[in-house]
């Protein structure tokens, strides 16, 4: 799994990465030595270098999927989200999220 985080470089980023790594371990997934991050979501998804790098990394076979904290870390725009899923599906890459704190799915 390639971890993807959407947060500025601060203690919260390290905490998010630790949560992702712990969840991956719980699921029996191996986490890549490379992690990917962007600072904020406002720019179009295609202009986020960290997410683009995570997609390319996984598509090149270095990871089976991308693991993020929640769907809003990817995009809140439904049309862009469909495009991301189609793009990843065509490359046999999956996208996963941490479970919500109340055990519901996003």
PDB file of N, CA and C in Angstrom:
ATOM      1  N   UNK A   1       0.833  -1.172   0.000  1.00  0.00           N
ATOM      2  CA  UNK A   1       0.000   0.000   0.000  1.00  0.00           C
ATOM      3  C   UNK A   1       0.879   1.237   0.000  1.00  0.00           C
ATOM      4  N   UNK A   2       0.517   2.191  -0.794  1.00  0.00           N
ATOM      5  CA  UNK A   2       1.204   3.481  -0.816  1.00  0.00           C
ATOM      6  C   UNK A   2       0.379   4.467   0.007  1.00  0.00           C
ATOM      7  N   UNK A   3       0.890   4.938   1.144  1.00  0.00           N
ATOM      8  CA  UNK A   3       0.143   5.888   1.958  1.00  0.00           C
ATOM      9  C   UNK A   3       0.049   7.253   1.280  1.00  0.00           C
ATOM     10  N   UNK A   4      -1.138   7.853   1.341  1.00  0.00           N
ATOM     11  CA  UNK A   4      -1.333   9.202   0.830  1.00  0.00           C
ATOM     12  C   UNK A   4      -1.966  10.044   1.923  1.00  0.00           C
ATOM     13  N   UNK A   5      -1.364  11.209   2.183  1.00  0.00           N
ATOM     14  CA  UNK A   5      -1.804  12.087   3.258  1.00  0.00           C
ATOM     15  C   UNK A   5      -2.029  13.489   2.693  1.00  0.00           C
ATOM     16  N   UNK A   6      -3.094  14.117   3.127  1.00  0.00           N
ATOM     17  CA  UNK A   6      -3.396  15.488   2.720  1.00  0.00           C
ATOM     18  C   UNK A   6      -3.358  16.370   3.962  1.00  0.00           C
ATOM     19  N   UNK A   7      -2.174  16.852   4.278  1.00  0.00           N
ATOM     20  CA  UNK A   7      -1.989  17.713   5.437  1.00  0.00           C
ATOM     21  C   UNK A   7      -0.625  18.388   5.350  1.00  0.00           C
ATOM     22  N   UNK A   8      -0.476  19.556   5.916  1.00  0.00           N
ATOM     23  CA  UNK A   8       0.832  20.224   5.913  1.00  0.00           C
ATOM     24  C   UNK A   8       1.864  19.396   6.693  1.00  0.00           C
ATOM     25  N   UNK A   9       3.140  19.600   6.416  1.00  0.00           N
ATOM     26  CA  UNK A   9       4.173  18.870   7.159  1.00  0.00           C
ATOM     27  C   UNK A   9       4.218  19.365   8.612  1.00  0.00           C
ATOM     28  N   UNK A  10       3.578  18.627   9.481  1.00  0.00           N
ATOM     29  CA  UNK A  10       3.513  18.973  10.897  1.00  0.00           C
ATOM     30  C   UNK A  10       3.270  17.687  11.676  1.00  0.00           C
ATOM     31  N   UNK A  11       3.123  17.767  12.990  1.00  0.00           N
ATOM     32  CA  UNK A  11       2.887  16.538  13.759  1.00  0.00           C
ATOM     33  C   UNK A  11       1.641  15.768  13.310  1.00  0.00           C
ATOM     34  N   UNK A  12       0.625  16.477  12.824  1.00  0.00           N
ATOM     35  CA  UNK A  12      -0.580  15.801  12.353  1.00  0.00           C
ATOM     36  C   UNK A  12      -0.272  14.874  11.177  1.00  0.00           C
ATOM     37  N   UNK A  13       0.636  15.289  10.312  1.00  0.00           N
ATOM     38  CA  UNK A  13       1.025  14.441   9.171  1.00  0.00           C
ATOM     39  C   UNK A  13       1.632  13.139   9.678  1.00  0.00           C
ATOM     40  N   UNK A  14       2.512  13.229  10.665  1.00  0.00           N
ATOM     41  CA  UNK A  14       3.125  12.015  11.227  1.00  0.00           C
ATOM     42  C   UNK A  14       2.065  11.134  11.891  1.00  0.00           C
ATOM     43  N   UNK A  15       1.110  11.758  12.575  1.00  0.00           N
ATOM     44  CA  UNK A  15       0.029  11.001  13.215  1.00  0.00           C
ATOM     45  C   UNK A  15      -0.829  10.293  12.167  1.00  0.00           C
ATOM     46  N   UNK A  16      -1.173  11.001  11.090  1.00  0.00           N
ATOM     47  CA  UNK A  16      -1.964  10.389  10.021  1.00  0.00           C
ATOM     48  C   UNK A  16      -1.221   9.213   9.394  1.00  0.00           C
ATOM     49  N   UNK A  17       0.058   9.382   9.143  1.00  0.00           N
ATOM     50  CA  UNK A  17       0.856   8.300   8.568  1.00  0.00           C
ATOM     51  C   UNK A  17       0.899   7.110   9.521  1.00  0.00           C
ATOM     52  N   UNK A  18       1.054   7.373  10.809  1.00  0.00           N
ATOM     53  CA  UNK A  18       1.072   6.287  11.796  1.00  0.00           C
ATOM     54  C   UNK A  18      -0.265   5.536  11.809  1.00  0.00           C
ATOM     55  N   UNK A  19      -1.384   6.264  11.705  1.00  0.00           N
ATOM     56  CA  UNK A  19      -2.701   5.618  11.653  1.00  0.00           C
ATOM     57  C   UNK A  19      -2.839   4.743  10.411  1.00  0.00           C
ATOM     58  N   UNK A  20      -2.375   5.266   9.293  1.00  0.00           N
ATOM     59  CA  UNK A  20      -2.435   4.501   8.039  1.00  0.00           C
ATOM     60  C   UNK A  20      -1.585   3.244   8.150  1.00  0.00           C
ATOM     61  N   UNK A  21      -0.384   3.376   8.677  1.00  0.00           N
ATOM     62  CA  UNK A  21       0.495   2.216   8.822  1.00  0.00           C
ATOM     63  C   UNK A  21      -0.096   1.182   9.779  1.00  0.00           C
ATOM     64  N   UNK A  22      -0.684   1.634  10.872  1.00  0.00           N
ATOM     65  CA  UNK A  22      -1.291   0.714  11.843  1.00  0.00           C
ATOM     66  C   UNK A  22      -2.478  -0.030  11.225  1.00  0.00           C
ATOM     67  N   UNK A  23      -3.310   0.686  10.482  1.00  0.00           N
ATOM     68  CA  UNK A  23      -4.456   0.042   9.847  1.00  0.00           C
ATOM     69  C   UNK A  23      -3.989  -0.968   8.798  1.00  0.00           C
ATOM     70  N   UNK A  24      -3.007  -0.592   8.008  1.00  0.00           N
ATOM     71  CA  UNK A  24      -2.480  -1.513   6.996  1.00  0.00           C
ATOM     72  C   UNK A  24      -1.949  -2.781   7.662  1.00  0.00           C
ATOM     73  N   UNK A  25      -1.227  -2.634   8.752  1.00  0.00           N
ATOM     74  CA  UNK A  25      -0.694  -3.794   9.474  1.00  0.00           C
ATOM     75  C   UNK A  25      -1.840  -4.669   9.984  1.00  0.00           C
ATOM     76  N   UNK A  26      -2.879  -4.031  10.506  1.00  0.00           N
ATOM     77  CA  UNK A  26      -4.050  -4.760  11.010  1.00  0.00           C
ATOM     78  C   UNK A  26      -4.706  -5.570   9.891  1.00  0.00           C
ATOM     79  N   UNK A  27      -4.705  -5.018   8.699  1.00  0.00           N
ATOM     80  CA  UNK A  27      -5.311  -5.693   7.549  1.00  0.00           C
ATOM     81  C   UNK A  27      -4.373  -6.705   6.896  1.00  0.00           C
ATOM     82  N   UNK A  28      -3.127  -6.729   7.338  1.00  0.00           N
ATOM     83  CA  UNK A  28      -2.145  -7.633   6.743  1.00  0.00           C
ATOM     84  C   UNK A  28      -1.538  -7.093   5.460  1.00  0.00           C
ATOM     85  N   UNK A  29      -1.644  -5.787   5.251  1.00  0.00           N
ATOM     86  CA  UNK A  29      -1.085  -5.153   4.059  1.00  0.00           C
ATOM     87  C   UNK A  29       0.293  -4.600   4.371  1.00  0.00           C
ATOM     88  N   UNK A  30       1.195  -4.712   3.438  1.00  0.00           N
ATOM     89  CA  UNK A  30       2.511  -4.096   3.585  1.00  0.00           C
ATOM     90  C   UNK A  30       2.453  -2.664   3.073  1.00  0.00           C
ATOM     91  N   UNK A  31       3.112  -1.771   3.791  1.00  0.00           N
ATOM     92  CA  UNK A  31       3.159  -0.361   3.411  1.00  0.00           C
ATOM     93  C   UNK A  31       4.485  -0.102   2.716  1.00  0.00           C
ATOM     94  N   UNK A  32       4.439   0.652   1.646  1.00  0.00           N
ATOM     95  CA  UNK A  32       5.656   0.977   0.911  1.00  0.00           C
ATOM     96  C   UNK A  32       6.565   1.863   1.753  1.00  0.00           C
ATOM     97  N   UNK A  33       7.836   1.857   1.438  1.00  0.00           N
ATOM     98  CA  UNK A  33       8.774   2.734   2.149  1.00  0.00           C
ATOM     99  C   UNK A  33       8.580   4.189   1.731  1.00  0.00           C
ATOM    100  N   UNK A  34       7.952   4.406   0.604  1.00  0.00           N
ATOM    101  CA  UNK A  34       7.644   5.757   0.144  1.00  0.00           C
ATOM    102  C   UNK A  34       6.227   6.115   0.548  1.00  0.00           C
ATOM    103  N   UNK A  35       6.045   7.331   1.045  1.00  0.00           N
ATOM    104  CA  UNK A  35       4.705   7.832   1.309  1.00  0.00           C
ATOM    105  C   UNK A  35       4.530   9.111   0.493  1.00  0.00           C
ATOM    106  N   UNK A  36       3.276   9.499   0.295  1.00  0.00           N
ATOM    107  CA  UNK A  36       2.975  10.608  -0.593  1.00  0.00           C
ATOM    108  C   UNK A  36       2.053  11.581   0.118  1.00  0.00           C
ATOM    109  N   UNK A  37       2.259  12.872  -0.121  1.00  0.00           N
ATOM    110  CA  UNK A  37       1.475  13.879   0.593  1.00  0.00           C
ATOM    111  C   UNK A  37       1.323  15.142  -0.234  1.00  0.00           C
ATOM    112  N   UNK A  38       0.260  15.838   0.058  1.00  0.00           N
ATOM    113  CA  UNK A  38       0.028  17.178  -0.456  1.00  0.00           C
ATOM    114  C   UNK A  38      -0.416  18.038   0.714  1.00  0.00           C
ATOM    115  N   UNK A  39      -0.308  19.343   0.531  1.00  0.00           N
ATOM    116  CA  UNK A  39      -0.607  20.270   1.623  1.00  0.00           C
ATOM    117  C   UNK A  39      -2.088  20.599   1.709  1.00  0.00           C
ATOM    118  N   UNK A  40      -2.766  20.758   0.587  1.00  0.00           N
ATOM    119  CA  UNK A  40      -4.167  21.145   0.646  1.00  0.00           C
ATOM    120  C   UNK A  40      -4.938  20.732  -0.573  1.00  0.00           C
ATOM    121  N   UNK A  41      -6.250  20.708  -0.440  1.00  0.00           N
ATOM    122  CA  UNK A  41      -7.119  20.215  -1.488  1.00  0.00           C
ATOM    123  C   UNK A  41      -7.627  21.263  -2.467  1.00  0.00           C
ATOM    124  N   UNK A  42      -7.601  22.551  -2.196  1.00  0.00           N
ATOM    125  CA  UNK A  42      -8.281  23.488  -3.080  1.00  0.00           C
ATOM    126  C   UNK A  42      -7.904  23.404  -4.565  1.00  0.00           C
ATOM    127  N   UNK A  43      -6.637  23.171  -4.860  1.00  0.00           N
ATOM    128  CA  UNK A  43      -6.267  23.110  -6.272  1.00  0.00           C
ATOM    129  C   UNK A  43      -6.887  21.882  -6.922  1.00  0.00           C
ATOM    130  N   UNK A  44      -7.053  21.899  -8.243  1.00  0.00           N
ATOM    131  CA  UNK A  44      -7.589  20.710  -8.910  1.00  0.00           C
ATOM    132  C   UNK A  44      -6.735  19.488  -8.589  1.00  0.00           C
ATOM    133  N   UNK A  45      -7.377  18.359  -8.510  1.00  0.00           N
ATOM    134  CA  UNK A  45      -6.709  17.105  -8.164  1.00  0.00           C
ATOM    135  C   UNK A  45      -5.508  16.837  -9.063  1.00  0.00           C
ATOM    136  N   UNK A  46      -5.634  17.145 -10.332  1.00  0.00           N
ATOM    137  CA  UNK A  46      -4.527  16.883 -11.263  1.00  0.00           C
ATOM    138  C   UNK A  46      -3.291  17.733 -10.958  1.00  0.00           C
ATOM    139  N   UNK A  47      -3.468  18.776 -10.164  1.00  0.00           N
ATOM    140  CA  UNK A  47      -2.349  19.652  -9.819  1.00  0.00           C
ATOM    141  C   UNK A  47      -1.754  19.330  -8.453  1.00  0.00           C
ATOM    142  N   UNK A  48      -2.139  18.217  -7.860  1.00  0.00           N
ATOM    143  CA  UNK A  48      -1.546  17.797  -6.588  1.00  0.00           C
ATOM    144  C   UNK A  48      -0.425  16.820  -6.880  1.00  0.00           C
ATOM    145  N   UNK A  49       0.821  17.268  -6.769  1.00  0.00           N
ATOM    146  CA  UNK A  49       1.945  16.407  -7.143  1.00  0.00           C
ATOM    147  C   UNK A  49       2.058  15.140  -6.302  1.00  0.00           C
ATOM    148  N   UNK A  50       1.706  15.207  -5.044  1.00  0.00           N
ATOM    149  CA  UNK A  50       1.813  14.027  -4.187  1.00  0.00           C
ATOM    150  C   UNK A  50       0.861  12.925  -4.599  1.00  0.00           C
ATOM    151  N   UNK A  51      -0.385  13.286  -4.886  1.00  0.00           N
ATOM    152  CA  UNK A  51      -1.359  12.272  -5.297  1.00  0.00           C
ATOM    153  C   UNK A  51      -0.995  11.713  -6.667  1.00  0.00           C
ATOM    154  N   UNK A  52      -0.581  12.576  -7.571  1.00  0.00           N
ATOM    155  CA  UNK A  52      -0.153  12.097  -8.889  1.00  0.00           C
ATOM    156  C   UNK A  52       1.013  11.132  -8.781  1.00  0.00           C
ATOM    157  N   UNK A  53       1.954  11.430  -7.912  1.00  0.00           N
ATOM    158  CA  UNK A  53       3.111  10.542  -7.715  1.00  0.00           C
ATOM    159  C   UNK A  53       2.670   9.207  -7.122  1.00  0.00           C
ATOM    160  N   UNK A  54       1.719   9.229  -6.188  1.00  0.00           N
ATOM    161  CA  UNK A  54       1.217   7.982  -5.600  1.00  0.00           C
ATOM    162  C   UNK A  54       0.548   7.118  -6.671  1.00  0.00           C
ATOM    163  N   UNK A  55      -0.224   7.746  -7.538  1.00  0.00           N
ATOM    164  CA  UNK A  55      -0.892   7.012  -8.620  1.00  0.00           C
ATOM    165  C   UNK A  55       0.132   6.389  -9.568  1.00  0.00           C
ATOM    166  N   UNK A  56       1.122   7.166  -9.976  1.00  0.00           N
ATOM    167  CA  UNK A  56       2.155   6.636 -10.877  1.00  0.00           C
ATOM    168  C   UNK A  56       2.952   5.513 -10.214  1.00  0.00           C
ATOM    169  N   UNK A  57       3.296   5.692  -8.952  1.00  0.00           N
ATOM    170  CA  UNK A  57       4.061   4.702  -8.194  1.00  0.00           C
ATOM    171  C   UNK A  57       3.321   3.362  -8.164  1.00  0.00           C
ATOM    172  N   UNK A  58       2.037   3.417  -7.851  1.00  0.00           N
ATOM    173  CA  UNK A  58       1.241   2.192  -7.804  1.00  0.00           C
ATOM    174  C   UNK A  58       1.039   1.609  -9.203  1.00  0.00           C
ATOM    175  N   UNK A  59       0.780   2.449 -10.173  1.00  0.00           N
ATOM    176  CA  UNK A  59       0.563   1.976 -11.547  1.00  0.00           C
ATOM    177  C   UNK A  59       1.808   1.311 -12.115  1.00  0.00           C
ATOM    178  N   UNK A  60       2.977   1.701 -11.640  1.00  0.00           N
ATOM    179  CA  UNK A  60       4.230   1.093 -12.093  1.00  0.00           C
ATOM    180  C   UNK A  60       4.501  -0.242 -11.391  1.00  0.00           C
ATOM    181  N   UNK A  61       3.611  -0.634 -10.488  1.00  0.00           N
ATOM    182  CA  UNK A  61       3.734  -1.928  -9.837  1.00  0.00           C
ATOM    183  C   UNK A  61       4.433  -1.923  -8.489  1.00  0.00           C
ATOM    184  N   UNK A  62       4.742  -0.760  -7.952  1.00  0.00           N
ATOM    185  CA  UNK A  62       5.417  -0.691  -6.657  1.00  0.00           C
ATOM    186  C   UNK A  62       4.443  -0.838  -5.486  1.00  0.00           C
ATOM    187  N   UNK A  63       3.151  -0.747  -5.749  1.00  0.00           N
ATOM    188  CA  UNK A  63       2.123  -0.923  -4.727  1.00  0.00           C
ATOM    189  C   UNK A  63       0.860  -1.424  -5.415  1.00  0.00           C
ATOM    190  N   UNK A  64       0.047  -2.165  -4.681  1.00  0.00           N
ATOM    191  CA  UNK A  64      -1.225  -2.639  -5.239  1.00  0.00           C
ATOM    192  C   UNK A  64      -2.312  -1.588  -5.130  1.00  0.00           C
ATOM    193  N   UNK A  65      -2.121  -0.656  -4.186  1.00  0.00           N
ATOM    194  CA  UNK A  65      -3.152   0.342  -3.984  1.00  0.00           C
ATOM    195  C   UNK A  65      -2.645   1.545  -3.217  1.00  0.00           C
ATOM    196  N   UNK A  66      -3.541   2.486  -3.032  1.00  0.00           N
ATOM    197  CA  UNK A  66      -3.265   3.719  -2.300  1.00  0.00           C
ATOM    198  C   UNK A  66      -4.184   3.724  -1.083  1.00  0.00           C
ATOM    199  N   UNK A  67      -3.625   4.030   0.079  1.00  0.00           N
ATOM    200  CA  UNK A  67      -4.396   4.066   1.316  1.00  0.00           C
ATOM    201  C   UNK A  67      -4.369   5.481   1.868  1.00  0.00           C
ATOM    202  N   UNK A  68      -5.542   6.079   1.984  1.00  0.00           N
ATOM    203  CA  UNK A  68      -5.688   7.446   2.505  1.00  0.00           C
ATOM    204  C   UNK A  68      -6.572   7.412   3.746  1.00  0.00           C
ATOM    205  N   UNK A  69      -6.586   8.518   4.471  1.00  0.00           N
ATOM    206  CA  UNK A  69      -7.370   8.569   5.703  1.00  0.00           C
ATOM    207  C   UNK A  69      -8.874   8.550   5.432  1.00  0.00           C
ATOM    208  N   UNK A  70      -9.332   9.239   4.391  1.00  0.00           N
ATOM    209  CA  UNK A  70     -10.757   9.304   4.071  1.00  0.00           C
ATOM    210  C   UNK A  70     -10.935   9.833   2.651  1.00  0.00           C
ATOM    211  N   UNK A  71     -12.113   9.643   2.087  1.00  0.00           N
ATOM    212  CA  UNK A  71     -12.356  10.108   0.730  1.00  0.00           C
ATOM    213  C   UNK A  71     -12.076  11.598   0.541  1.00  0.00           C
ATOM    214  N   UNK A  72     -12.434  12.492   1.473  1.00  0.00           N
ATOM    215  CA  UNK A  72     -12.137  13.914   1.259  1.00  0.00           C
ATOM    216  C   UNK A  72     -10.642  14.208   1.068  1.00  0.00           C
ATOM    217  N   UNK A  73      -9.781  13.308   1.484  1.00  0.00           N
ATOM    218  CA  UNK A  73      -8.347  13.494   1.240  1.00  0.00           C
ATOM    219  C   UNK A  73      -8.027  13.363  -0.246  1.00  0.00           C
ATOM    220  N   UNK A  74      -8.893  12.691  -0.976  1.00  0.00           N
ATOM    221  CA  UNK A  74      -8.696  12.550  -2.421  1.00  0.00           C
ATOM    222  C   UNK A  74      -9.394  13.709  -3.128  1.00  0.00           C
ATOM    223  N   UNK A  75     -10.701  13.774  -3.007  1.00  0.00           N
ATOM    224  CA  UNK A  75     -11.470  14.887  -3.571  1.00  0.00           C
ATOM    225  C   UNK A  75     -12.902  14.831  -3.058  1.00  0.00           C
ATOM    226  N   UNK A  76     -13.509  15.980  -2.967  1.00  0.00           N
ATOM    227  CA  UNK A  76     -14.926  16.034  -2.611  1.00  0.00           C
ATOM    228  C   UNK A  76     -15.785  16.242  -3.857  1.00  0.00           C
ATOM    229  N   UNK A  77     -15.148  16.409  -5.000  1.00  0.00           N
ATOM    230  CA  UNK A  77     -15.848  16.586  -6.274  1.00  0.00           C
ATOM    231  C   UNK A  77     -16.180  15.207  -6.851  1.00  0.00           C
ATOM    232  N   UNK A  78     -17.454  14.908  -6.995  1.00  0.00           N
ATOM    233  CA  UNK A  78     -17.884  13.578  -7.448  1.00  0.00           C
ATOM    234  C   UNK A  78     -17.384  13.233  -8.845  1.00  0.00           C
ATOM    235  N   UNK A  79     -17.406  14.187  -9.752  1.00  0.00           N
ATOM    236  CA  UNK A  79     -16.933  13.920 -11.116  1.00  0.00           C
ATOM    237  C   UNK A  79     -15.438  13.605 -11.130  1.00  0.00           C
ATOM    238  N   UNK A  80     -14.658  14.361 -10.386  1.00  0.00           N
ATOM    239  CA  UNK A  80     -13.221  14.097 -10.298  1.00  0.00           C
ATOM    240  C   UNK A  80     -12.959  12.746  -9.650  1.00  0.00           C
ATOM    241  N   UNK A  81     -13.771  12.393  -8.657  1.00  0.00           N
ATOM    242  CA  UNK A  81     -13.602  11.115  -7.965  1.00  0.00           C
ATOM    243  C   UNK A  81     -13.846   9.940  -8.909  1.00  0.00           C
ATOM    244  N   UNK A  82     -14.882  10.034  -9.723  1.00  0.00           N
ATOM    245  CA  UNK A  82     -15.157   8.983 -10.708  1.00  0.00           C
ATOM    246  C   UNK A  82     -13.974   8.845 -11.660  1.00  0.00           C
ATOM    247  N   UNK A  83     -13.424   9.965 -12.101  1.00  0.00           N
ATOM    248  CA  UNK A  83     -12.268   9.937 -13.005  1.00  0.00           C
ATOM    249  C   UNK A  83     -11.083   9.222 -12.338  1.00  0.00           C
ATOM    250  N   UNK A  84     -10.827   9.531 -11.063  1.00  0.00           N
ATOM    251  CA  UNK A  84      -9.731   8.881 -10.328  1.00  0.00           C
ATOM    252  C   UNK A  84      -9.953   7.375 -10.261  1.00  0.00           C
ATOM    253  N   UNK A  85     -11.161   6.967  -9.908  1.00  0.00           N
ATOM    254  CA  UNK A  85     -11.435   5.538  -9.803  1.00  0.00           C
ATOM    255  C   UNK A  85     -11.273   4.825 -11.143  1.00  0.00           C
ATOM    256  N   UNK A  86     -11.741   5.439 -12.208  1.00  0.00           N
ATOM    257  CA  UNK A  86     -11.582   4.841 -13.538  1.00  0.00           C
ATOM    258  C   UNK A  86     -10.114   4.756 -13.924  1.00  0.00           C
ATOM    259  N   UNK A  87      -9.361   5.807 -13.626  1.00  0.00           N
ATOM    260  CA  UNK A  87      -7.929   5.844 -13.929  1.00  0.00           C
ATOM    261  C   UNK A  87      -7.198   4.723 -13.176  1.00  0.00           C
ATOM    262  N   UNK A  88      -7.473   4.584 -11.905  1.00  0.00           N
ATOM    263  CA  UNK A  88      -6.811   3.551 -11.102  1.00  0.00           C
ATOM    264  C   UNK A  88      -7.255   2.152 -11.521  1.00  0.00           C
ATOM    265  N   UNK A  89      -8.544   1.975 -11.777  1.00  0.00           N
ATOM    266  CA  UNK A  89      -9.065   0.676 -12.184  1.00  0.00           C
ATOM    267  C   UNK A  89      -8.385   0.185 -13.468  1.00  0.00           C
ATOM    268  N   UNK A  90      -8.209   1.087 -14.424  1.00  0.00           N
ATOM    269  CA  UNK A  90      -7.568   0.721 -15.691  1.00  0.00           C
ATOM    270  C   UNK A  90      -6.128   0.268 -15.485  1.00  0.00           C
ATOM    271  N   UNK A  91      -5.540   0.609 -14.347  1.00  0.00           N
ATOM    272  CA  UNK A  91      -4.155   0.240 -14.043  1.00  0.00           C
ATOM    273  C   UNK A  91      -4.063  -0.830 -12.954  1.00  0.00           C
ATOM    274  N   UNK A  92      -5.201  -1.430 -12.625  1.00  0.00           N
ATOM    275  CA  UNK A  92      -5.293  -2.488 -11.608  1.00  0.00           C
ATOM    276  C   UNK A  92      -4.792  -2.023 -10.239  1.00  0.00           C
ATOM    277  N   UNK A  93      -5.113  -0.782  -9.902  1.00  0.00           N
ATOM    278  CA  UNK A  93      -4.734  -0.192  -8.612  1.00  0.00           C
ATOM    279  C   UNK A  93      -6.022   0.110  -7.851  1.00  0.00           C
ATOM    280  N   UNK A  94      -6.026  -0.199  -6.552  1.00  0.00           N
ATOM    281  CA  UNK A  94      -7.225   0.122  -5.782  1.00  0.00           C
ATOM    282  C   UNK A  94      -6.964   1.269  -4.818  1.00  0.00           C
ATOM    283  N   UNK A  95      -8.047   1.837  -4.343  1.00  0.00           N
ATOM    284  CA  UNK A  95      -8.011   2.969  -3.431  1.00  0.00           C
ATOM    285  C   UNK A  95      -8.761   2.558  -2.174  1.00  0.00           C
ATOM    286  N   UNK A  96      -8.132   2.729  -1.006  1.00  0.00           N
ATOM    287  CA  UNK A  96      -8.748   2.337   0.258  1.00  0.00           C
ATOM    288  C   UNK A  96      -8.625   3.480   1.258  1.00  0.00           C
ATOM    289  N   UNK A  97      -9.513   3.425   2.251  1.00  0.00           N
ATOM    290  CA  UNK A  97      -9.530   4.452   3.300  1.00  0.00           C
ATOM    291  C   UNK A  97      -9.558   3.798   4.672  1.00  0.00           C
ATOM    292  N   UNK A  98      -9.144   4.559   5.659  1.00  0.00           N
ATOM    293  CA  UNK A  98      -9.269   4.111   7.036  1.00  0.00           C
ATOM    294  C   UNK A  98     -10.762   4.053   7.370  1.00  0.00           C
ATOM    295  N   UNK A  99     -11.152   3.142   8.256  1.00  0.00           N
ATOM    296  CA  UNK A  99     -12.564   3.129   8.656  1.00  0.00           C
ATOM    297  C   UNK A  99     -12.892   4.418   9.415  1.00  0.00           C
ATOM    298  N   UNK A 100     -14.134   4.856   9.273  1.00  0.00           N
ATOM    299  CA  UNK A 100     -14.588   6.037  10.003  1.00  0.00           C
ATOM    300  C   UNK A 100     -14.595   5.729  11.491  1.00  0.00           C
ATOM    301  N   UNK A 101     -14.400   6.747  12.333  1.00  0.00           N
ATOM    302  CA  UNK A 101     -14.367   6.508  13.778  1.00  0.00           C
ATOM    303  C   UNK A 101     -15.615   5.812  14.319  1.00  0.00           C
ATOM    304  N   UNK A 102     -16.766   5.995  13.673  1.00  0.00           N
ATOM    305  CA  UNK A 102     -17.992   5.351  14.147  1.00  0.00           C
ATOM    306  C   UNK A 102     -18.269   4.031  13.445  1.00  0.00           C
ATOM    307  N   UNK A 103     -17.212   3.495  12.778  1.00  0.00           N
ATOM    308  CA  UNK A 103     -17.275   2.202  12.076  1.00  0.00           C
ATOM    309  C   UNK A 103     -18.192   2.183  10.865  1.00  0.00           C
ATOM    310  N   UNK A 104     -18.561   3.363  10.351  1.00  0.00           N
ATOM    311  CA  UNK A 104     -19.329   3.418   9.110  1.00  0.00           C
ATOM    312  C   UNK A 104     -18.350   3.623   7.963  1.00  0.00           C
ATOM    313  N   UNK A 105     -18.787   3.372   6.780  1.00  0.00           N
ATOM    314  CA  UNK A 105     -17.942   3.624   5.619  1.00  0.00           C
ATOM    315  C   UNK A 105     -18.283   4.971   5.033  1.00  0.00           C
ATOM    316  N   UNK A 106     -17.301   5.586   4.398  1.00  0.00           N
ATOM    317  CA  UNK A 106     -17.535   6.917   3.808  1.00  0.00           C
ATOM    318  C   UNK A 106     -18.331   6.800   2.540  1.00  0.00           C
TER     319      UNK A 106
END
